[in-house]
Every structure is written in structure tokens, then in C-alpha cells.
């Protein structure tokens, strides 16, 4: 079984989480769009808080996807935030009855209005696996959220540890990365997704998002991530570190560090239930694969 990149299908670079002066961002929609266009992005969603920001009149070559960020609090052992990003929604979403009450009602509303729901920054939000796994209808979650670290926040940008607990429970949740840019002094144009689609249209991009044809990156490119028998293989652009993660806390041979790595492999142990890879280039930029679930 081979995952990800068909070289015959174009890859597109995009960001699905950013804010403007229409909520709490420091730049206008016009300024934000210009920044991402100049940085070589292909598609972008403006996801202002509790507002679907109009994008039809923006002068840009980017494919603009309508978006919103909904925020909630839930209480289990502690009070935790749950933020849901809606992509591809129509502008009547916020008129939906009950959408402001619970995360699940927000997700249901996003789906009913033609969108896809993404769980934002679960580590920053201190989300417990039970809360994440209890959300129905989510298409993906952020494994890395750029603004959720110093100097803008405490260092909870990387959600991989909490998501590994979900993967260990069998929760098959695709992962992506996003900027969540607010300040535009270094939090923009840093963490994104590469998406495979035959054309840069809303229909094709939404279909790729719905079916998991993307991966999270800050620069490194993943060419192949495949499972064959008891071996998981990785091919990528040149990096200096590869780490294979699974549900097992200790496994030998899961890390490799040296210059110019372009491929690596991991032999599945009898107790592994999932495997994912994280790669890091010489500039410290990372990319993350989806988890591969091992059926025995």
C-alpha cells in the first residue's frame, strides 16, 4: 500500500488557518492575501473568529476558500478550549441555530453548510484524547500550529504527542500544519500543507482535503510513504533527521540523523499498531506524514 504522492498529480501549497482585521488579526484581508501570494502559495483560507470573511472581491491569483474559526469551552477534568476551523462554508453558517453552543453542533453546522471541519491546535488547547476522539465529522487536525509558540504564545505548537495517544487508540485522523497567523511579524507563511489535486479549483481542493490527499510541512517534501509487509518506507527531499513514531515508547532503529537523507525505512514490531514519520531538514524545518495503521 502506497500513500501520498503520485508524481503525475500536481502538488499545491496552501494555508487553511489565518486571521485578519475582520476579527483579531493585525492585517487586512487584502494585506494578508498579498503576503501569501508573494510567498508562493496556491490557496488560502481566511478563518476569522465567528465570521466568514468575504473574499469574492479580493484581487488575487490565490484560490480562496471561505473559512471560519469557531471556539468553545468544554469541561472534563479541566476546562479546555476546543477550536474548530471550517473550510468551504457558505456565509450563512453563523445564522445556524445552536452553532455557538457545543463543538459538535459547530462541526455539524459546518458540514451542513458544505464545509469541512478541522480541529485546531489541540496541544495549545490542552485537549484530552477523549475529547478529540469524541468529535464526529472532523476531516483533519493540526499537528503543528505556528503561532502556538514563543514569542507569541507558550510553546505548545507541536500537537504530535497528544495525537499519538489518539492514534494509539485507533483514531485515524489526518494531520496538517497551519500558521494561525495573527501578528504578521514571523507567524505567517511558515507552516502549511502540500495537497495533491489534478487542478487548482475549489472542487478539486475540497475533494483532496476530504480524502486525505495532503501532508503537513514547513518545507521538506515527501515523495512516498508506503507500507509493504512489515516495512514502512519513506522517500523525501534531502533532510538531516528522520524519526518514525508508533504507539510503542521504545523501539530501536526508529531514528536516523546524518546529512542528505532522501530515503529511510522502519521495520514494524509485533506490538506496533500505527507508524508515522517526522522529517527535519538542515534548517530545522519539518514535515509530518499521516499515521499508517497496521492490521495484524
C-alpha atoms as a PDB file:
ATOM      1  CA  UNK A   1       0.000   0.000   0.000  1.00  0.00           C
ATOM      2  CA  UNK A   2       1.428   3.383  -1.016  1.00  0.00           C
ATOM      3  CA  UNK A   3       0.398   6.697   0.483  1.00  0.00           C
ATOM      4  CA  UNK A   4       0.645  10.240  -0.780  1.00  0.00           C
ATOM      5  CA  UNK A   5       2.378  11.454  -3.822  1.00  0.00           C
ATOM      6  CA  UNK A   6       1.516  10.458  -7.357  1.00  0.00           C
ATOM      7  CA  UNK A   7       4.092  12.334  -9.465  1.00  0.00           C
ATOM      8  CA  UNK A   8       1.519  12.667 -12.231  1.00  0.00           C
ATOM      9  CA  UNK A   9      -0.725  14.785  -9.976  1.00  0.00           C
ATOM     10  CA  UNK A  10       0.331  18.382  -9.194  1.00  0.00           C
ATOM     11  CA  UNK A  11       1.093  19.456  -5.637  1.00  0.00           C
ATOM     12  CA  UNK A  12      -0.331  22.712  -4.328  1.00  0.00           C
ATOM     13  CA  UNK A  13       0.828  24.694  -1.305  1.00  0.00           C
ATOM     14  CA  UNK A  14      -1.761  26.210   1.000  1.00  0.00           C
ATOM     15  CA  UNK A  15      -2.653  27.529   4.425  1.00  0.00           C
ATOM     16  CA  UNK A  16      -6.049  26.898   5.993  1.00  0.00           C
ATOM     17  CA  UNK A  17      -5.765  28.934   9.186  1.00  0.00           C
ATOM     18  CA  UNK A  18      -5.120  32.682   9.349  1.00  0.00           C
ATOM     19  CA  UNK A  19      -6.766  35.816  10.723  1.00  0.00           C
ATOM     20  CA  UNK A  20      -7.359  39.365   9.549  1.00  0.00           C
ATOM     21  CA  UNK A  21      -8.643  42.658  10.935  1.00  0.00           C
ATOM     22  CA  UNK A  22     -12.136  41.222  10.449  1.00  0.00           C
ATOM     23  CA  UNK A  23     -11.507  39.530  13.816  1.00  0.00           C
ATOM     24  CA  UNK A  24      -8.281  39.749  15.828  1.00  0.00           C
ATOM     25  CA  UNK A  25      -5.616  39.759  13.088  1.00  0.00           C
ATOM     26  CA  UNK A  26      -3.242  42.689  12.643  1.00  0.00           C
ATOM     27  CA  UNK A  27      -3.545  42.957   8.838  1.00  0.00           C
ATOM     28  CA  UNK A  28      -6.454  43.453   6.461  1.00  0.00           C
ATOM     29  CA  UNK A  29      -7.684  40.694   4.148  1.00  0.00           C
ATOM     30  CA  UNK A  30      -6.042  42.483   1.222  1.00  0.00           C
ATOM     31  CA  UNK A  31      -2.681  42.651   3.026  1.00  0.00           C
ATOM     32  CA  UNK A  32      -2.834  39.011   4.148  1.00  0.00           C
ATOM     33  CA  UNK A  33      -3.649  37.745   0.670  1.00  0.00           C
ATOM     34  CA  UNK A  34      -0.743  39.709  -0.788  1.00  0.00           C
ATOM     35  CA  UNK A  35       1.714  38.235   1.744  1.00  0.00           C
ATOM     36  CA  UNK A  36       0.745  34.650   0.917  1.00  0.00           C
ATOM     37  CA  UNK A  37       0.650  35.259  -2.814  1.00  0.00           C
ATOM     38  CA  UNK A  38       4.155  36.758  -2.747  1.00  0.00           C
ATOM     39  CA  UNK A  39       5.368  33.756  -0.712  1.00  0.00           C
ATOM     40  CA  UNK A  40       4.377  31.345  -3.498  1.00  0.00           C
ATOM     41  CA  UNK A  41       1.205  29.865  -2.033  1.00  0.00           C
ATOM     42  CA  UNK A  42      -1.520  28.498  -4.270  1.00  0.00           C
ATOM     43  CA  UNK A  43      -4.555  28.520  -1.974  1.00  0.00           C
ATOM     44  CA  UNK A  44      -5.575  30.216   1.266  1.00  0.00           C
ATOM     45  CA  UNK A  45      -8.451  30.370   3.729  1.00  0.00           C
ATOM     46  CA  UNK A  46      -9.150  33.401   5.909  1.00  0.00           C
ATOM     47  CA  UNK A  47     -10.544  31.914   9.109  1.00  0.00           C
ATOM     48  CA  UNK A  48     -11.627  34.809  11.263  1.00  0.00           C
ATOM     49  CA  UNK A  49     -13.274  34.115  14.597  1.00  0.00           C
ATOM     50  CA  UNK A  50     -17.031  33.556  14.339  1.00  0.00           C
ATOM     51  CA  UNK A  51     -17.148  35.306  10.959  1.00  0.00           C
ATOM     52  CA  UNK A  52     -16.997  34.125   7.348  1.00  0.00           C
ATOM     53  CA  UNK A  53     -14.866  36.898   5.861  1.00  0.00           C
ATOM     54  CA  UNK A  54     -15.900  37.791   2.269  1.00  0.00           C
ATOM     55  CA  UNK A  55     -13.175  37.039  -0.288  1.00  0.00           C
ATOM     56  CA  UNK A  56     -15.006  37.358  -3.623  1.00  0.00           C
ATOM     57  CA  UNK A  57     -13.792  40.907  -4.243  1.00  0.00           C
ATOM     58  CA  UNK A  58     -10.138  40.351  -3.328  1.00  0.00           C
ATOM     59  CA  UNK A  59      -7.653  40.944  -6.149  1.00  0.00           C
ATOM     60  CA  UNK A  60      -5.510  37.806  -6.033  1.00  0.00           C
ATOM     61  CA  UNK A  61      -4.304  34.835  -8.053  1.00  0.00           C
ATOM     62  CA  UNK A  62      -4.746  32.597  -4.999  1.00  0.00           C
ATOM     63  CA  UNK A  63      -7.598  30.131  -4.822  1.00  0.00           C
ATOM     64  CA  UNK A  64      -9.548  31.499  -1.870  1.00  0.00           C
ATOM     65  CA  UNK A  65     -11.524  29.059   0.251  1.00  0.00           C
ATOM     66  CA  UNK A  66     -14.164  30.589   2.535  1.00  0.00           C
ATOM     67  CA  UNK A  67     -13.400  29.845   6.160  1.00  0.00           C
ATOM     68  CA  UNK A  68     -14.209  30.500   9.805  1.00  0.00           C
ATOM     69  CA  UNK A  69     -12.932  29.572  13.266  1.00  0.00           C
ATOM     70  CA  UNK A  70     -15.443  28.579  15.926  1.00  0.00           C
ATOM     71  CA  UNK A  71     -14.396  28.446  19.580  1.00  0.00           C
ATOM     72  CA  UNK A  72     -15.846  26.635  22.576  1.00  0.00           C
ATOM     73  CA  UNK A  73     -15.032  25.530  26.096  1.00  0.00           C
ATOM     74  CA  UNK A  74     -15.709  22.045  27.427  1.00  0.00           C
ATOM     75  CA  UNK A  75     -15.108  20.730  30.941  1.00  0.00           C
ATOM     76  CA  UNK A  76     -13.843  17.295  31.889  1.00  0.00           C
ATOM     77  CA  UNK A  77     -11.022  17.083  34.410  1.00  0.00           C
ATOM     78  CA  UNK A  78     -10.246  20.685  33.494  1.00  0.00           C
ATOM     79  CA  UNK A  79     -11.738  23.454  31.356  1.00  0.00           C
ATOM     80  CA  UNK A  80     -10.317  23.201  27.867  1.00  0.00           C
ATOM     81  CA  UNK A  81     -10.786  25.145  24.673  1.00  0.00           C
ATOM     82  CA  UNK A  82     -11.969  23.429  21.510  1.00  0.00           C
ATOM     83  CA  UNK A  83     -11.432  25.423  18.328  1.00  0.00           C
ATOM     84  CA  UNK A  84     -12.913  24.199  15.053  1.00  0.00           C
ATOM     85  CA  UNK A  85     -11.855  25.628  11.695  1.00  0.00           C
ATOM     86  CA  UNK A  86     -14.481  25.388   8.974  1.00  0.00           C
ATOM     87  CA  UNK A  87     -13.297  25.358   5.338  1.00  0.00           C
ATOM     88  CA  UNK A  88     -15.527  25.801   2.287  1.00  0.00           C
ATOM     89  CA  UNK A  89     -18.530  27.056   4.270  1.00  0.00           C
ATOM     90  CA  UNK A  90     -21.143  29.455   2.977  1.00  0.00           C
ATOM     91  CA  UNK A  91     -21.715  32.864   4.548  1.00  0.00           C
ATOM     92  CA  UNK A  92     -24.977  31.874   6.248  1.00  0.00           C
ATOM     93  CA  UNK A  93     -23.184  29.452   8.585  1.00  0.00           C
ATOM     94  CA  UNK A  94     -23.264  31.767  11.607  1.00  0.00           C
ATOM     95  CA  UNK A  95     -27.060  32.003  11.363  1.00  0.00           C
ATOM     96  CA  UNK A  96     -27.351  28.276  12.181  1.00  0.00           C
ATOM     97  CA  UNK A  97     -29.334  27.653  15.345  1.00  0.00           C
ATOM     98  CA  UNK A  98     -27.183  26.345  18.198  1.00  0.00           C
ATOM     99  CA  UNK A  99     -23.863  26.666  16.372  1.00  0.00           C
ATOM    100  CA  UNK A 100     -22.343  28.654  19.239  1.00  0.00           C
ATOM    101  CA  UNK A 101     -23.284  26.123  21.929  1.00  0.00           C
ATOM    102  CA  UNK A 102     -21.098  22.989  21.586  1.00  0.00           C
ATOM    103  CA  UNK A 103     -18.179  21.865  19.386  1.00  0.00           C
ATOM    104  CA  UNK A 104     -20.246  19.058  17.901  1.00  0.00           C
ATOM    105  CA  UNK A 105     -23.010  21.458  16.915  1.00  0.00           C
ATOM    106  CA  UNK A 106     -20.339  23.623  15.291  1.00  0.00           C
ATOM    107  CA  UNK A 107     -18.981  20.661  13.336  1.00  0.00           C
ATOM    108  CA  UNK A 108     -22.489  19.610  12.313  1.00  0.00           C
ATOM    109  CA  UNK A 109     -23.233  23.141  11.160  1.00  0.00           C
ATOM    110  CA  UNK A 110     -20.038  23.330   9.102  1.00  0.00           C
ATOM    111  CA  UNK A 111     -20.868  20.039   7.385  1.00  0.00           C
ATOM    112  CA  UNK A 112     -24.467  21.106   6.769  1.00  0.00           C
ATOM    113  CA  UNK A 113     -23.202  24.267   5.059  1.00  0.00           C
ATOM    114  CA  UNK A 114     -20.963  22.407   2.629  1.00  0.00           C
ATOM    115  CA  UNK A 115     -17.733  22.711   4.576  1.00  0.00           C
ATOM    116  CA  UNK A 116     -15.076  20.543   6.174  1.00  0.00           C
ATOM    117  CA  UNK A 117     -14.195  20.746   9.869  1.00  0.00           C
ATOM    118  CA  UNK A 118     -10.603  20.818  11.175  1.00  0.00           C
ATOM    119  CA  UNK A 119      -9.590  20.631  14.835  1.00  0.00           C
ATOM    120  CA  UNK A 120      -7.163  23.476  15.545  1.00  0.00           C
ATOM    121  CA  UNK A 121      -4.092  23.374  17.828  1.00  0.00           C
ATOM    122  CA  UNK A 122      -5.117  20.535  20.202  1.00  0.00           C
ATOM    123  CA  UNK A 123      -1.930  20.839  22.294  1.00  0.00           C
ATOM    124  CA  UNK A 124      -2.354  24.595  22.753  1.00  0.00           C
ATOM    125  CA  UNK A 125      -5.967  23.939  23.767  1.00  0.00           C
ATOM    126  CA  UNK A 126      -4.922  21.182  26.222  1.00  0.00           C
ATOM    127  CA  UNK A 127      -7.368  18.834  24.518  1.00  0.00           C
ATOM    128  CA  UNK A 128      -7.571  15.362  26.015  1.00  0.00           C
ATOM    129  CA  UNK A 129      -7.658  12.346  23.681  1.00  0.00           C
ATOM    130  CA  UNK A 130     -11.163  11.509  24.907  1.00  0.00           C
ATOM    131  CA  UNK A 131     -12.395  14.935  23.796  1.00  0.00           C
ATOM    132  CA  UNK A 132     -10.683  14.704  20.395  1.00  0.00           C
ATOM    133  CA  UNK A 133     -11.917  11.169  19.758  1.00  0.00           C
ATOM    134  CA  UNK A 134     -15.450  12.157  20.756  1.00  0.00           C
ATOM    135  CA  UNK A 135     -15.769  14.748  17.972  1.00  0.00           C
ATOM    136  CA  UNK A 136     -17.630  13.296  14.999  1.00  0.00           C
ATOM    137  CA  UNK A 137     -17.190  14.537  11.438  1.00  0.00           C
ATOM    138  CA  UNK A 138     -13.721  16.089  11.667  1.00  0.00           C
ATOM    139  CA  UNK A 139     -11.694  15.781   8.452  1.00  0.00           C
ATOM    140  CA  UNK A 140      -8.257  16.628   9.913  1.00  0.00           C
ATOM    141  CA  UNK A 141      -6.405  18.187  12.806  1.00  0.00           C
ATOM    142  CA  UNK A 142      -3.368  20.435  13.136  1.00  0.00           C
ATOM    143  CA  UNK A 143      -0.220  18.584  14.137  1.00  0.00           C
ATOM    144  CA  UNK A 144       1.616  21.918  14.178  1.00  0.00           C
ATOM    145  CA  UNK A 145       0.259  25.436  14.706  1.00  0.00           C
ATOM    146  CA  UNK A 146       2.832  28.155  14.043  1.00  0.00           C
ATOM    147  CA  UNK A 147       1.565  30.868  16.378  1.00  0.00           C
ATOM    148  CA  UNK A 148       1.227  28.497  19.362  1.00  0.00           C
ATOM    149  CA  UNK A 149       4.809  29.067  20.458  1.00  0.00           C
ATOM    150  CA  UNK A 150       7.132  31.821  21.647  1.00  0.00           C
ATOM    151  CA  UNK A 151       7.275  34.744  21.115  1.00  0.00           C
ATOM    152  CA  UNK A 152       3.508  34.777  20.576  1.00  0.00           C
ATOM    153  CA  UNK A 153       2.401  32.022  22.994  1.00  0.00           C
ATOM    154  CA  UNK A 154       3.676  29.371  25.340  1.00  0.00           C
ATOM    155  CA  UNK A 155       5.425  26.559  23.478  1.00  0.00           C
ATOM    156  CA  UNK A 156       2.524  24.275  22.560  1.00  0.00           C
ATOM    157  CA  UNK A 157       2.807  24.492  18.778  1.00  0.00           C
ATOM    158  CA  UNK A 158       3.536  20.770  18.294  1.00  0.00           C
ATOM    159  CA  UNK A 159       0.496  18.556  18.928  1.00  0.00           C
ATOM    160  CA  UNK A 160       2.112  15.271  17.910  1.00  0.00           C
ATOM    161  CA  UNK A 161       2.286  13.796  21.421  1.00  0.00           C
ATOM    162  CA  UNK A 162      -1.405  14.201  22.179  1.00  0.00           C
ATOM    163  CA  UNK A 163      -2.290  12.980  18.684  1.00  0.00           C
ATOM    164  CA  UNK A 164      -0.099   9.891  19.159  1.00  0.00           C
ATOM    165  CA  UNK A 165      -2.337   8.989  22.099  1.00  0.00           C
ATOM    166  CA  UNK A 166      -5.336   9.264  19.768  1.00  0.00           C
ATOM    167  CA  UNK A 167      -3.604   7.190  17.079  1.00  0.00           C
ATOM    168  CA  UNK A 168      -2.752   4.570  19.699  1.00  0.00           C
ATOM    169  CA  UNK A 169      -6.491   4.361  20.406  1.00  0.00           C
ATOM    170  CA  UNK A 170      -7.096   3.698  16.695  1.00  0.00           C
ATOM    171  CA  UNK A 171      -8.316   7.207  15.850  1.00  0.00           C
ATOM    172  CA  UNK A 172      -7.460   7.660  12.167  1.00  0.00           C
ATOM    173  CA  UNK A 173      -7.253  11.425  11.934  1.00  0.00           C
ATOM    174  CA  UNK A 174      -5.346  13.084   9.037  1.00  0.00           C
ATOM    175  CA  UNK A 175      -2.892  15.821  10.055  1.00  0.00           C
ATOM    176  CA  UNK A 176      -1.919  19.164   8.565  1.00  0.00           C
ATOM    177  CA  UNK A 177       0.009  22.255   9.652  1.00  0.00           C
ATOM    178  CA  UNK A 178      -1.142  25.864   9.742  1.00  0.00           C
ATOM    179  CA  UNK A 179       0.080  29.314  10.617  1.00  0.00           C
ATOM    180  CA  UNK A 180      -2.916  30.619  12.557  1.00  0.00           C
ATOM    181  CA  UNK A 181      -1.248  33.969  11.842  1.00  0.00           C
ATOM    182  CA  UNK A 182      -2.422  36.968  13.843  1.00  0.00           C
ATOM    183  CA  UNK A 183       0.584  39.265  14.250  1.00  0.00           C
ATOM    184  CA  UNK A 184       2.389  39.056  10.875  1.00  0.00           C
ATOM    185  CA  UNK A 185       5.811  39.518  12.396  1.00  0.00           C
ATOM    186  CA  UNK A 186       7.038  35.978  11.718  1.00  0.00           C
ATOM    187  CA  UNK A 187       3.948  33.848  12.313  1.00  0.00           C
ATOM    188  CA  UNK A 188       2.903  33.954   8.642  1.00  0.00           C
ATOM    189  CA  UNK A 189       3.962  31.805   5.647  1.00  0.00           C
ATOM    190  CA  UNK A 190       5.735  29.192   7.802  1.00  0.00           C
ATOM    191  CA  UNK A 191       3.629  26.047   8.365  1.00  0.00           C
ATOM    192  CA  UNK A 192       1.325  24.731   5.669  1.00  0.00           C
ATOM    193  CA  UNK A 193       0.109  21.714   3.739  1.00  0.00           C
ATOM    194  CA  UNK A 194       1.093  20.250   0.399  1.00  0.00           C
ATOM    195  CA  UNK A 195      -2.002  18.938  -1.345  1.00  0.00           C
ATOM    196  CA  UNK A 196      -2.339  16.687  -4.402  1.00  0.00           C
ATOM    197  CA  UNK A 197      -5.083  17.650  -6.865  1.00  0.00           C
ATOM    198  CA  UNK A 198      -5.343  17.494 -10.668  1.00  0.00           C
ATOM    199  CA  UNK A 199      -6.285  21.187 -10.859  1.00  0.00           C
ATOM    200  CA  UNK A 200      -6.352  24.218  -8.606  1.00  0.00           C
ATOM    201  CA  UNK A 201     -10.110  24.527  -8.260  1.00  0.00           C
ATOM    202  CA  UNK A 202     -12.295  24.653  -5.186  1.00  0.00           C
ATOM    203  CA  UNK A 203     -13.917  21.358  -6.138  1.00  0.00           C
ATOM    204  CA  UNK A 204     -10.602  19.524  -6.530  1.00  0.00           C
ATOM    205  CA  UNK A 205      -9.009  21.041  -3.413  1.00  0.00           C
ATOM    206  CA  UNK A 206     -12.030  20.267  -1.245  1.00  0.00           C
ATOM    207  CA  UNK A 207     -12.078  16.699  -2.572  1.00  0.00           C
ATOM    208  CA  UNK A 208      -8.377  16.275  -1.729  1.00  0.00           C
ATOM    209  CA  UNK A 209      -8.974  17.647   1.766  1.00  0.00           C
ATOM    210  CA  UNK A 210     -11.944  15.339   2.271  1.00  0.00           C
ATOM    211  CA  UNK A 211      -9.965  12.284   1.172  1.00  0.00           C
ATOM    212  CA  UNK A 212      -6.656  12.996   2.934  1.00  0.00           C
ATOM    213  CA  UNK A 213      -4.501  13.691  -0.123  1.00  0.00           C
ATOM    214  CA  UNK A 214      -2.180  16.118   1.671  1.00  0.00           C
ATOM    215  CA  UNK A 215       0.541  16.292   4.305  1.00  0.00           C
ATOM    216  CA  UNK A 216       1.887  18.811   6.795  1.00  0.00           C
ATOM    217  CA  UNK A 217       5.142  20.635   6.087  1.00  0.00           C
ATOM    218  CA  UNK A 218       7.318  23.649   6.735  1.00  0.00           C
ATOM    219  CA  UNK A 219       9.403  22.989   3.622  1.00  0.00           C
ATOM    220  CA  UNK A 220      10.548  19.352   3.240  1.00  0.00           C
ATOM    221  CA  UNK A 221       8.786  17.363   0.517  1.00  0.00           C
ATOM    222  CA  UNK A 222       7.505  13.819   0.986  1.00  0.00           C
ATOM    223  CA  UNK A 223       7.634  11.789  -2.221  1.00  0.00           C
ATOM    224  CA  UNK A 224       6.417   8.455  -0.866  1.00  0.00           C
ATOM    225  CA  UNK A 225       5.325   6.871   2.400  1.00  0.00           C
ATOM    226  CA  UNK A 226       4.468   3.223   1.878  1.00  0.00           C
ATOM    227  CA  UNK A 227       3.645   0.066   3.795  1.00  0.00           C
ATOM    228  CA  UNK A 228       4.779  -3.252   2.334  1.00  0.00           C
ATOM    229  CA  UNK A 229       4.500  -6.288   4.564  1.00  0.00           C
ATOM    230  CA  UNK A 230       6.282  -5.439   7.820  1.00  0.00           C
ATOM    231  CA  UNK A 231       8.224  -2.451   6.442  1.00  0.00           C
ATOM    232  CA  UNK A 232       7.279   1.217   6.243  1.00  0.00           C
ATOM    233  CA  UNK A 233       9.348   3.097   3.641  1.00  0.00           C
ATOM    234  CA  UNK A 234       9.882   6.817   3.222  1.00  0.00           C
ATOM    235  CA  UNK A 235      11.221   8.853   0.281  1.00  0.00           C
ATOM    236  CA  UNK A 236      11.648  12.604   0.611  1.00  0.00           C
ATOM    237  CA  UNK A 237      13.671  15.683  -0.279  1.00  0.00           C
ATOM    238  CA  UNK A 238      17.071  15.982   1.431  1.00  0.00           C
ATOM    239  CA  UNK A 239      16.765  16.090   5.214  1.00  0.00           C
ATOM    240  CA  UNK A 240      19.079  15.550   8.158  1.00  0.00           C
ATOM    241  CA  UNK A 241      16.793  13.644  10.519  1.00  0.00           C
ATOM    242  CA  UNK A 242      14.077  11.027  10.225  1.00  0.00           C
ATOM    243  CA  UNK A 243      12.063   9.749  13.187  1.00  0.00           C
ATOM    244  CA  UNK A 244       9.450   7.011  12.971  1.00  0.00           C
ATOM    245  CA  UNK A 245       6.850   7.203  15.739  1.00  0.00           C
ATOM    246  CA  UNK A 246       4.469   4.477  16.861  1.00  0.00           C
ATOM    247  CA  UNK A 247       2.397   3.530  19.897  1.00  0.00           C
ATOM    248  CA  UNK A 248       5.488   1.904  21.436  1.00  0.00           C
ATOM    249  CA  UNK A 249       7.542   4.168  23.748  1.00  0.00           C
ATOM    250  CA  UNK A 250      10.831   2.387  22.982  1.00  0.00           C
ATOM    251  CA  UNK A 251      11.905   0.786  19.720  1.00  0.00           C
ATOM    252  CA  UNK A 252      15.454   0.529  18.389  1.00  0.00           C
ATOM    253  CA  UNK A 253      16.271   1.846  14.927  1.00  0.00           C
ATOM    254  CA  UNK A 254      13.461   4.378  14.717  1.00  0.00           C
ATOM    255  CA  UNK A 255      15.719   7.440  14.386  1.00  0.00           C
ATOM    256  CA  UNK A 256      18.389   8.409  11.882  1.00  0.00           C
ATOM    257  CA  UNK A 257      20.459  11.579  11.748  1.00  0.00           C
ATOM    258  CA  UNK A 258      23.013  12.402   9.054  1.00  0.00           C
ATOM    259  CA  UNK A 259      23.311  14.771   6.071  1.00  0.00           C
ATOM    260  CA  UNK A 260      21.411  14.280   2.811  1.00  0.00           C
ATOM    261  CA  UNK A 261      18.877  11.600   3.771  1.00  0.00           C
ATOM    262  CA  UNK A 262      16.426  11.021   0.926  1.00  0.00           C
ATOM    263  CA  UNK A 263      15.002   7.647   1.944  1.00  0.00           C
ATOM    264  CA  UNK A 264      14.635   5.518   5.037  1.00  0.00           C
ATOM    265  CA  UNK A 265      12.668   2.539   6.324  1.00  0.00           C
ATOM    266  CA  UNK A 266      11.249   1.211   9.569  1.00  0.00           C
ATOM    267  CA  UNK A 267      10.546  -2.423  10.376  1.00  0.00           C
ATOM    268  CA  UNK A 268       7.269  -2.803  12.191  1.00  0.00           C
ATOM    269  CA  UNK A 269       7.500  -4.523  15.574  1.00  0.00           C
ATOM    270  CA  UNK A 270       4.898  -7.061  16.743  1.00  0.00           C
ATOM    271  CA  UNK A 271       3.340  -4.502  19.101  1.00  0.00           C
ATOM    272  CA  UNK A 272       3.113  -1.528  16.735  1.00  0.00           C
ATOM    273  CA  UNK A 273      -0.431  -0.509  15.839  1.00  0.00           C
ATOM    274  CA  UNK A 274       0.433   2.644  13.863  1.00  0.00           C
ATOM    275  CA  UNK A 275       3.523   4.284  12.385  1.00  0.00           C
ATOM    276  CA  UNK A 276       4.108   7.856  11.245  1.00  0.00           C
ATOM    277  CA  UNK A 277       7.247   9.747  10.231  1.00  0.00           C
ATOM    278  CA  UNK A 278       8.635  13.177  11.045  1.00  0.00           C
ATOM    279  CA  UNK A 279      11.480  14.596   8.965  1.00  0.00           C
ATOM    280  CA  UNK A 280      13.689  17.638   9.631  1.00  0.00           C
ATOM    281  CA  UNK A 281      15.958  19.440   7.161  1.00  0.00           C
ATOM    282  CA  UNK A 282      19.230  21.235   7.875  1.00  0.00           C
ATOM    283  CA  UNK A 283      17.368  24.482   8.563  1.00  0.00           C
ATOM    284  CA  UNK A 284      15.231  22.845  11.243  1.00  0.00           C
ATOM    285  CA  UNK A 285      12.125  22.814   9.033  1.00  0.00           C
ATOM    286  CA  UNK A 286       9.897  19.751   9.425  1.00  0.00           C
ATOM    287  CA  UNK A 287       7.305  17.695   7.596  1.00  0.00           C
ATOM    288  CA  UNK A 288       4.929  15.123   9.037  1.00  0.00           C
ATOM    289  CA  UNK A 289       3.269  12.112   7.416  1.00  0.00           C
ATOM    290  CA  UNK A 290      -0.165  10.763   8.221  1.00  0.00           C
ATOM    291  CA  UNK A 291      -0.226   7.730  10.523  1.00  0.00           C
ATOM    292  CA  UNK A 292      -0.252   4.319   8.851  1.00  0.00           C
ATOM    293  CA  UNK A 293      -2.316   1.794  10.780  1.00  0.00           C
ATOM    294  CA  UNK A 294      -1.005  -1.739  10.981  1.00  0.00           C
ATOM    295  CA  UNK A 295      -3.575  -4.533  10.709  1.00  0.00           C
ATOM    296  CA  UNK A 296      -2.479  -7.908  12.035  1.00  0.00           C
END
